[in-house]
Amino acid sequence: EHVRTTIRMPTSLLKSIEEVRNPEEFPTLSDFVRG
């Protein structure tokens, strides 16, 4: 079962995540954060 939730984060953290996130392994930001 999955529960939908909202996470607030600074814009700088979101930019950092997008720089290191491998889109093939983590297609979405949610996949990356969950992992």
All heavy atoms as atom14 arrays in JSON, in Angstrom:
{
  "sequence": "EHVRTTIRMPTSLLKSIEEVRNPEEFPTLSDFVRG",
  "atom14_mask": [
    [1, 1, 1, 1, 1, 1, 1, 1, 1, 0, 0, 0, 0, 0],
    [1, 1, 1, 1, 1, 1, 1, 1, 1, 1, 0, 0, 0, 0],
    [1, 1, 1, 1, 1, 1, 1, 0, 0, 0, 0, 0, 0, 0],
    [1, 1, 1, 1, 1, 1, 1, 1, 1, 1, 1, 0, 0, 0],
    [1, 1, 1, 1, 1, 1, 1, 0, 0, 0, 0, 0, 0, 0],
    [1, 1, 1, 1, 1, 1, 1, 0, 0, 0, 0, 0, 0, 0],
    [1, 1, 1, 1, 1, 1, 1, 1, 0, 0, 0, 0, 0, 0],
    [1, 1, 1, 1, 1, 1, 1, 1, 1, 1, 1, 0, 0, 0],
    [1, 1, 1, 1, 1, 1, 1, 1, 0, 0, 0, 0, 0, 0],
    [1, 1, 1, 1, 1, 1, 1, 0, 0, 0, 0, 0, 0, 0],
    [1, 1, 1, 1, 1, 1, 1, 0, 0, 0, 0, 0, 0, 0],
    [1, 1, 1, 1, 1, 1, 0, 0, 0, 0, 0, 0, 0, 0],
    [1, 1, 1, 1, 1, 1, 1, 1, 0, 0, 0, 0, 0, 0],
    [1, 1, 1, 1, 1, 1, 1, 1, 0, 0, 0, 0, 0, 0],
    [1, 1, 1, 1, 1, 1, 1, 1, 1, 0, 0, 0, 0, 0],
    [1, 1, 1, 1, 1, 1, 0, 0, 0, 0, 0, 0, 0, 0],
    [1, 1, 1, 1, 1, 1, 1, 1, 0, 0, 0, 0, 0, 0],
    [1, 1, 1, 1, 1, 1, 1, 1, 1, 0, 0, 0, 0, 0],
    [1, 1, 1, 1, 1, 1, 1, 1, 1, 0, 0, 0, 0, 0],
    [1, 1, 1, 1, 1, 1, 1, 0, 0, 0, 0, 0, 0, 0],
    [1, 1, 1, 1, 1, 1, 1, 1, 1, 1, 1, 0, 0, 0],
    [1, 1, 1, 1, 1, 1, 1, 1, 0, 0, 0, 0, 0, 0],
    [1, 1, 1, 1, 1, 1, 1, 0, 0, 0, 0, 0, 0, 0],
    [1, 1, 1, 1, 1, 1, 1, 1, 1, 0, 0, 0, 0, 0],
    [1, 1, 1, 1, 1, 1, 1, 1, 1, 0, 0, 0, 0, 0],
    [1, 1, 1, 1, 1, 1, 1, 1, 1, 1, 1, 0, 0, 0],
    [1, 1, 1, 1, 1, 1, 1, 0, 0, 0, 0, 0, 0, 0],
    [1, 1, 1, 1, 1, 1, 1, 0, 0, 0, 0, 0, 0, 0],
    [1, 1, 1, 1, 1, 1, 1, 1, 0, 0, 0, 0, 0, 0],
    [1, 1, 1, 1, 1, 1, 0, 0, 0, 0, 0, 0, 0, 0],
    [1, 1, 1, 1, 1, 1, 1, 1, 0, 0, 0, 0, 0, 0],
    [1, 1, 1, 1, 1, 1, 1, 1, 1, 1, 1, 0, 0, 0],
    [1, 1, 1, 1, 1, 1, 1, 0, 0, 0, 0, 0, 0, 0],
    [1, 1, 1, 1, 1, 1, 1, 1, 1, 1, 1, 0, 0, 0],
    [1, 1, 1, 1, 0, 0, 0, 0, 0, 0, 0, 0, 0, 0]
  ],
  "atom14_positions": [
    [[0.84, -1.19, 0.0], [0.0, 0.0, 0.0], [0.88, 1.25, 0.0], [1.9, 1.32, 0.68], [-0.89, 0.01, 1.24], [-1.79, 1.22, 1.32], [-2.63, 1.22, 2.57], [-2.7, 0.2, 3.27], [-3.21, 2.28, 2.85], [0.0, 0.0, 0.0], [0.0, 0.0, 0.0], [0.0, 0.0, 0.0], [0.0, 0.0, 0.0], [0.0, 0.0, 0.0]],
    [[0.5, 2.23, -0.79], [1.23, 3.5, -0.83], [0.33, 4.61, -0.32], [-0.88, 4.59, -0.53], [1.65, 3.84, -2.26], [2.71, 2.93, -2.79], [4.04, 3.19, -2.63], [2.64, 1.76, -3.45], [4.75, 2.24, -3.17], [3.91, 1.33, -3.69], [0.0, 0.0, 0.0], [0.0, 0.0, 0.0], [0.0, 0.0, 0.0], [0.0, 0.0, 0.0]],
    [[0.94, 5.56, 0.34], [0.22, 6.72, 0.86], [0.81, 7.95, 0.19], [2.02, 8.12, 0.12], [0.38, 6.83, 2.4], [-0.29, 8.06, 2.93], [-0.16, 5.58, 3.08], [0.0, 0.0, 0.0], [0.0, 0.0, 0.0], [0.0, 0.0, 0.0], [0.0, 0.0, 0.0], [0.0, 0.0, 0.0], [0.0, 0.0, 0.0], [0.0, 0.0, 0.0]],
    [[-0.04, 8.8, -0.31], [0.42, 10.03, -0.95], [0.72, 11.06, 0.13], [-0.05, 11.24, 1.07], [-0.65, 10.56, -1.89], [-0.24, 11.84, -2.62], [-1.3, 12.25, -3.62], [-1.42, 11.31, -4.71], [-0.68, 11.35, -5.81], [0.26, 12.25, -5.94], [-0.86, 10.47, -6.78], [0.0, 0.0, 0.0], [0.0, 0.0, 0.0], [0.0, 0.0, 0.0]],
    [[1.86, 11.72, -0.01], [2.26, 12.73, 0.96], [2.95, 13.88, 0.23], [3.36, 13.73, -0.92], [3.18, 12.14, 2.04], [3.42, 13.13, 3.03], [4.47, 11.63, 1.47], [0.0, 0.0, 0.0], [0.0, 0.0, 0.0], [0.0, 0.0, 0.0], [0.0, 0.0, 0.0], [0.0, 0.0, 0.0], [0.0, 0.0, 0.0], [0.0, 0.0, 0.0]],
    [[3.06, 14.99, 0.89], [3.73, 16.16, 0.33], [4.96, 16.45, 1.17], [4.92, 16.4, 2.39], [2.8, 17.38, 0.36], [1.63, 17.08, -0.38], [3.48, 18.6, -0.23], [0.0, 0.0, 0.0], [0.0, 0.0, 0.0], [0.0, 0.0, 0.0], [0.0, 0.0, 0.0], [0.0, 0.0, 0.0], [0.0, 0.0, 0.0], [0.0, 0.0, 0.0]],
    [[6.06, 16.73, 0.5], [7.31, 17.05, 1.19], [7.75, 18.44, 0.76], [7.86, 18.71, -0.43], [8.41, 16.02, 0.83], [7.99, 14.63, 1.25], [9.73, 16.41, 1.48], [8.91, 13.55, 0.76], [0.0, 0.0, 0.0], [0.0, 0.0, 0.0], [0.0, 0.0, 0.0], [0.0, 0.0, 0.0], [0.0, 0.0, 0.0], [0.0, 0.0, 0.0]],
    [[8.0, 19.29, 1.73], [8.53, 20.61, 1.44], [10.05, 20.56, 1.53], [10.59, 19.93, 2.43], [8.0, 21.64, 2.44], [6.57, 22.01, 2.15], [6.18, 23.19, 2.99], [5.2, 22.69, 3.94], [4.9, 23.25, 5.08], [5.52, 24.33, 5.47], [3.99, 22.75, 5.85], [0.0, 0.0, 0.0], [0.0, 0.0, 0.0], [0.0, 0.0, 0.0]],
    [[10.71, 21.2, 0.59], [12.18, 21.24, 0.62], [12.64, 22.55, -0.01], [11.95, 23.11, -0.86], [12.78, 20.03, -0.1], [12.55, 19.98, -1.58], [13.32, 18.57, -2.38], [12.29, 17.24, -1.82], [0.0, 0.0, 0.0], [0.0, 0.0, 0.0], [0.0, 0.0, 0.0], [0.0, 0.0, 0.0], [0.0, 0.0, 0.0], [0.0, 0.0, 0.0]],
    [[13.82, 22.98, 0.39], [14.36, 24.2, -0.22], [14.64, 23.98, -1.71], [14.96, 22.87, -2.14], [15.67, 24.44, 0.53], [15.65, 23.53, 1.7], [14.67, 22.45, 1.43], [0.0, 0.0, 0.0], [0.0, 0.0, 0.0], [0.0, 0.0, 0.0], [0.0, 0.0, 0.0], [0.0, 0.0, 0.0], [0.0, 0.0, 0.0], [0.0, 0.0, 0.0]],
    [[14.53, 25.02, -2.47], [14.78, 24.96, -3.9], [16.2, 24.46, -4.18], [16.42, 23.69, -5.12], [14.58, 26.35, -4.54], [13.28, 26.82, -4.2], [14.71, 26.29, -6.04], [0.0, 0.0, 0.0], [0.0, 0.0, 0.0], [0.0, 0.0, 0.0], [0.0, 0.0, 0.0], [0.0, 0.0, 0.0], [0.0, 0.0, 0.0], [0.0, 0.0, 0.0]],
    [[17.14, 24.88, -3.35], [18.53, 24.45, -3.55], [18.67, 22.93, -3.42], [19.44, 22.3, -4.16], [19.46, 25.14, -2.55], [19.08, 24.85, -1.22], [0.0, 0.0, 0.0], [0.0, 0.0, 0.0], [0.0, 0.0, 0.0], [0.0, 0.0, 0.0], [0.0, 0.0, 0.0], [0.0, 0.0, 0.0], [0.0, 0.0, 0.0], [0.0, 0.0, 0.0]],
    [[17.91, 22.31, -2.49], [17.96, 20.85, -2.34], [17.36, 20.17, -3.57], [17.9, 19.18, -4.07], [17.23, 20.41, -1.07], [17.17, 18.92, -0.81], [18.56, 18.31, -0.74], [16.4, 18.64, 0.47], [0.0, 0.0, 0.0], [0.0, 0.0, 0.0], [0.0, 0.0, 0.0], [0.0, 0.0, 0.0], [0.0, 0.0, 0.0], [0.0, 0.0, 0.0]],
    [[16.26, 20.71, -4.07], [15.64, 20.15, -5.27], [16.61, 20.21, -6.46], [16.76, 19.23, -7.2], [14.35, 20.89, -5.61], [13.6, 20.43, -6.84], [13.2, 18.96, -6.7], [12.39, 21.29, -7.08], [0.0, 0.0, 0.0], [0.0, 0.0, 0.0], [0.0, 0.0, 0.0], [0.0, 0.0, 0.0], [0.0, 0.0, 0.0], [0.0, 0.0, 0.0]],
    [[17.33, 21.31, -6.6], [18.31, 21.44, -7.68], [19.43, 20.42, -7.5], [19.88, 19.8, -8.46], [18.87, 22.85, -7.73], [17.87, 23.87, -8.25], [18.46, 25.26, -8.25], [17.43, 26.27, -8.72], [17.95, 27.66, -8.68], [0.0, 0.0, 0.0], [0.0, 0.0, 0.0], [0.0, 0.0, 0.0], [0.0, 0.0, 0.0], [0.0, 0.0, 0.0]],
    [[19.87, 20.23, -6.27], [20.93, 19.25, -5.99], [20.47, 17.83, -6.31], [21.23, 17.02, -6.86], [21.37, 19.33, -4.53], [21.96, 20.57, -4.25], [0.0, 0.0, 0.0], [0.0, 0.0, 0.0], [0.0, 0.0, 0.0], [0.0, 0.0, 0.0], [0.0, 0.0, 0.0], [0.0, 0.0, 0.0], [0.0, 0.0, 0.0], [0.0, 0.0, 0.0]],
    [[19.24, 17.53, -5.97], [18.68, 16.2, -6.27], [18.65, 15.98, -7.77], [19.05, 14.93, -8.27], [17.28, 16.03, -5.65], [17.37, 15.93, -4.14], [16.58, 14.8, -6.24], [16.03, 15.97, -3.43], [0.0, 0.0, 0.0], [0.0, 0.0, 0.0], [0.0, 0.0, 0.0], [0.0, 0.0, 0.0], [0.0, 0.0, 0.0], [0.0, 0.0, 0.0]],
    [[18.19, 16.97, -8.5], [18.09, 16.82, -9.96], [19.47, 16.66, -10.6], [19.6, 16.0, -11.62], [17.35, 18.01, -10.57], [15.86, 18.0, -10.28], [15.14, 16.75, -10.77], [15.59, 16.1, -11.74], [14.11, 16.4, -10.17], [0.0, 0.0, 0.0], [0.0, 0.0, 0.0], [0.0, 0.0, 0.0], [0.0, 0.0, 0.0], [0.0, 0.0, 0.0]],
    [[20.51, 17.22, -9.98], [21.86, 17.07, -10.51], [22.39, 15.64, -10.33], [23.16, 15.16, -11.16], [22.82, 18.05, -9.81], [22.6, 19.49, -10.2], [23.46, 20.45, -9.39], [24.31, 20.0, -8.59], [23.27, 21.66, -9.56], [0.0, 0.0, 0.0], [0.0, 0.0, 0.0], [0.0, 0.0, 0.0], [0.0, 0.0, 0.0], [0.0, 0.0, 0.0]],
    [[21.99, 14.95, -9.25], [22.53, 13.62, -8.97], [21.57, 12.48, -9.3], [21.99, 11.33, -9.39], [22.97, 13.48, -7.48], [24.04, 14.5, -7.17], [21.79, 13.62, -6.54], [0.0, 0.0, 0.0], [0.0, 0.0, 0.0], [0.0, 0.0, 0.0], [0.0, 0.0, 0.0], [0.0, 0.0, 0.0], [0.0, 0.0, 0.0], [0.0, 0.0, 0.0]],
    [[20.31, 12.78, -9.51], [19.3, 11.74, -9.77], [19.55, 11.11, -11.14], [19.66, 11.77, -12.14], [17.9, 12.34, -9.73], [16.79, 11.35, -9.98], [15.43, 12.0, -9.86], [15.16, 12.97, -10.89], [14.58, 12.7, -12.06], [14.22, 11.46, -12.35], [14.37, 13.66, -12.94], [0.0, 0.0, 0.0], [0.0, 0.0, 0.0], [0.0, 0.0, 0.0]],
    [[19.6, 9.78, -11.15], [19.73, 9.04, -12.4], [18.32, 8.76, -12.91], [17.59, 7.96, -12.32], [20.48, 7.73, -12.15], [20.58, 6.87, -13.37], [19.97, 7.14, -14.4], [21.35, 5.81, -13.26], [0.0, 0.0, 0.0], [0.0, 0.0, 0.0], [0.0, 0.0, 0.0], [0.0, 0.0, 0.0], [0.0, 0.0, 0.0], [0.0, 0.0, 0.0]],
    [[17.9, 9.4, -14.01], [16.52, 9.24, -14.49], [16.15, 7.81, -14.89], [14.99, 7.44, -14.84], [16.43, 10.17, -15.7], [17.63, 11.02, -15.66], [18.65, 10.34, -14.8], [0.0, 0.0, 0.0], [0.0, 0.0, 0.0], [0.0, 0.0, 0.0], [0.0, 0.0, 0.0], [0.0, 0.0, 0.0], [0.0, 0.0, 0.0], [0.0, 0.0, 0.0]],
    [[17.15, 7.01, -15.26], [16.85, 5.63, -15.61], [16.52, 4.81, -14.36], [15.65, 3.95, -14.39], [18.02, 5.0, -16.36], [18.22, 5.59, -17.73], [19.42, 5.01, -18.44], [19.98, 4.0, -17.97], [19.8, 5.57, -19.48], [0.0, 0.0, 0.0], [0.0, 0.0, 0.0], [0.0, 0.0, 0.0], [0.0, 0.0, 0.0], [0.0, 0.0, 0.0]],
    [[17.25, 5.07, -13.27], [17.0, 4.35, -12.02], [15.81, 4.94, -11.26], [15.04, 4.21, -10.65], [18.25, 4.4, -11.13], [18.12, 3.6, -9.86], [19.38, 3.64, -9.01], [20.37, 4.29, -9.4], [19.37, 3.0, -7.95], [0.0, 0.0, 0.0], [0.0, 0.0, 0.0], [0.0, 0.0, 0.0], [0.0, 0.0, 0.0], [0.0, 0.0, 0.0]],
    [[15.69, 6.26, -11.3], [14.62, 6.96, -10.59], [13.88, 7.87, -11.58], [14.23, 9.05, -11.72], [15.18, 7.81, -9.45], [16.01, 7.03, -8.46], [17.38, 7.12, -8.45], [15.39, 6.19, -7.54], [18.14, 6.41, -7.54], [16.13, 5.47, -6.63], [17.51, 5.58, -6.63], [0.0, 0.0, 0.0], [0.0, 0.0, 0.0], [0.0, 0.0, 0.0]],
    [[12.87, 7.35, -12.28], [12.17, 8.13, -13.3], [11.54, 9.42, -12.77], [11.45, 10.4, -13.48], [11.1, 7.18, -13.82], [11.54, 5.82, -13.42], [12.38, 5.98, -12.19], [0.0, 0.0, 0.0], [0.0, 0.0, 0.0], [0.0, 0.0, 0.0], [0.0, 0.0, 0.0], [0.0, 0.0, 0.0], [0.0, 0.0, 0.0], [0.0, 0.0, 0.0]],
    [[11.11, 9.41, -11.51], [10.47, 10.6, -10.95], [11.17, 11.02, -9.67], [11.91, 10.25, -9.06], [8.99, 10.33, -10.61], [8.93, 9.39, -9.53], [8.22, 9.79, -11.81], [0.0, 0.0, 0.0], [0.0, 0.0, 0.0], [0.0, 0.0, 0.0], [0.0, 0.0, 0.0], [0.0, 0.0, 0.0], [0.0, 0.0, 0.0], [0.0, 0.0, 0.0]],
    [[10.93, 12.25, -9.28], [11.46, 12.75, -8.02], [10.94, 11.91, -6.86], [11.68, 11.59, -5.92], [11.08, 14.23, -7.83], [11.54, 14.89, -6.54], [13.06, 14.91, -6.46], [10.98, 16.3, -6.45], [0.0, 0.0, 0.0], [0.0, 0.0, 0.0], [0.0, 0.0, 0.0], [0.0, 0.0, 0.0], [0.0, 0.0, 0.0], [0.0, 0.0, 0.0]],
    [[9.69, 11.5, -6.93], [9.1, 10.66, -5.88], [9.87, 9.34, -5.73], [10.11, 8.88, -4.61], [7.63, 10.35, -6.18], [6.86, 11.51, -6.09], [0.0, 0.0, 0.0], [0.0, 0.0, 0.0], [0.0, 0.0, 0.0], [0.0, 0.0, 0.0], [0.0, 0.0, 0.0], [0.0, 0.0, 0.0], [0.0, 0.0, 0.0], [0.0, 0.0, 0.0]],
    [[10.24, 8.74, -6.85], [11.01, 7.49, -6.81], [12.34, 7.71, -6.11], [12.77, 6.89, -5.29], [11.26, 6.96, -8.22], [10.0, 6.52, -8.92], [9.06, 6.06, -8.23], [9.95, 6.63, -10.16], [0.0, 0.0, 0.0], [0.0, 0.0, 0.0], [0.0, 0.0, 0.0], [0.0, 0.0, 0.0], [0.0, 0.0, 0.0], [0.0, 0.0, 0.0]],
    [[13.0, 8.83, -6.43], [14.29, 9.13, -5.82], [14.15, 9.34, -4.31], [14.89, 8.76, -3.52], [14.91, 10.38, -6.46], [16.25, 10.72, -5.9], [17.4, 10.14, -6.41], [16.38, 11.63, -4.86], [18.65, 10.45, -5.89], [17.62, 11.95, -4.33], [18.75, 11.36, -4.85], [0.0, 0.0, 0.0], [0.0, 0.0, 0.0], [0.0, 0.0, 0.0]],
    [[13.18, 10.15, -3.91], [12.98, 10.45, -2.48], [12.6, 9.18, -1.73], [13.12, 8.9, -0.65], [11.94, 11.56, -2.28], [11.57, 11.73, -0.82], [12.46, 12.88, -2.85], [0.0, 0.0, 0.0], [0.0, 0.0, 0.0], [0.0, 0.0, 0.0], [0.0, 0.0, 0.0], [0.0, 0.0, 0.0], [0.0, 0.0, 0.0], [0.0, 0.0, 0.0]],
    [[11.71, 8.37, -2.29], [11.3, 7.12, -1.65], [12.52, 6.21, -1.46], [12.73, 5.65, -0.38], [10.23, 6.41, -2.48], [9.69, 5.15, -1.85], [8.51, 4.52, -2.62], [8.5, 4.7, -4.06], [7.79, 5.63, -4.7], [7.05, 6.48, -4.04], [7.83, 5.73, -6.03], [0.0, 0.0, 0.0], [0.0, 0.0, 0.0], [0.0, 0.0, 0.0]],
    [[13.35, 6.07, -2.49], [14.54, 5.23, -2.39], [15.51, 5.75, -1.33], [16.08, 4.98, -0.55], [0.0, 0.0, 0.0], [0.0, 0.0, 0.0], [0.0, 0.0, 0.0], [0.0, 0.0, 0.0], [0.0, 0.0, 0.0], [0.0, 0.0, 0.0], [0.0, 0.0, 0.0], [0.0, 0.0, 0.0], [0.0, 0.0, 0.0], [0.0, 0.0, 0.0]]
  ]
}
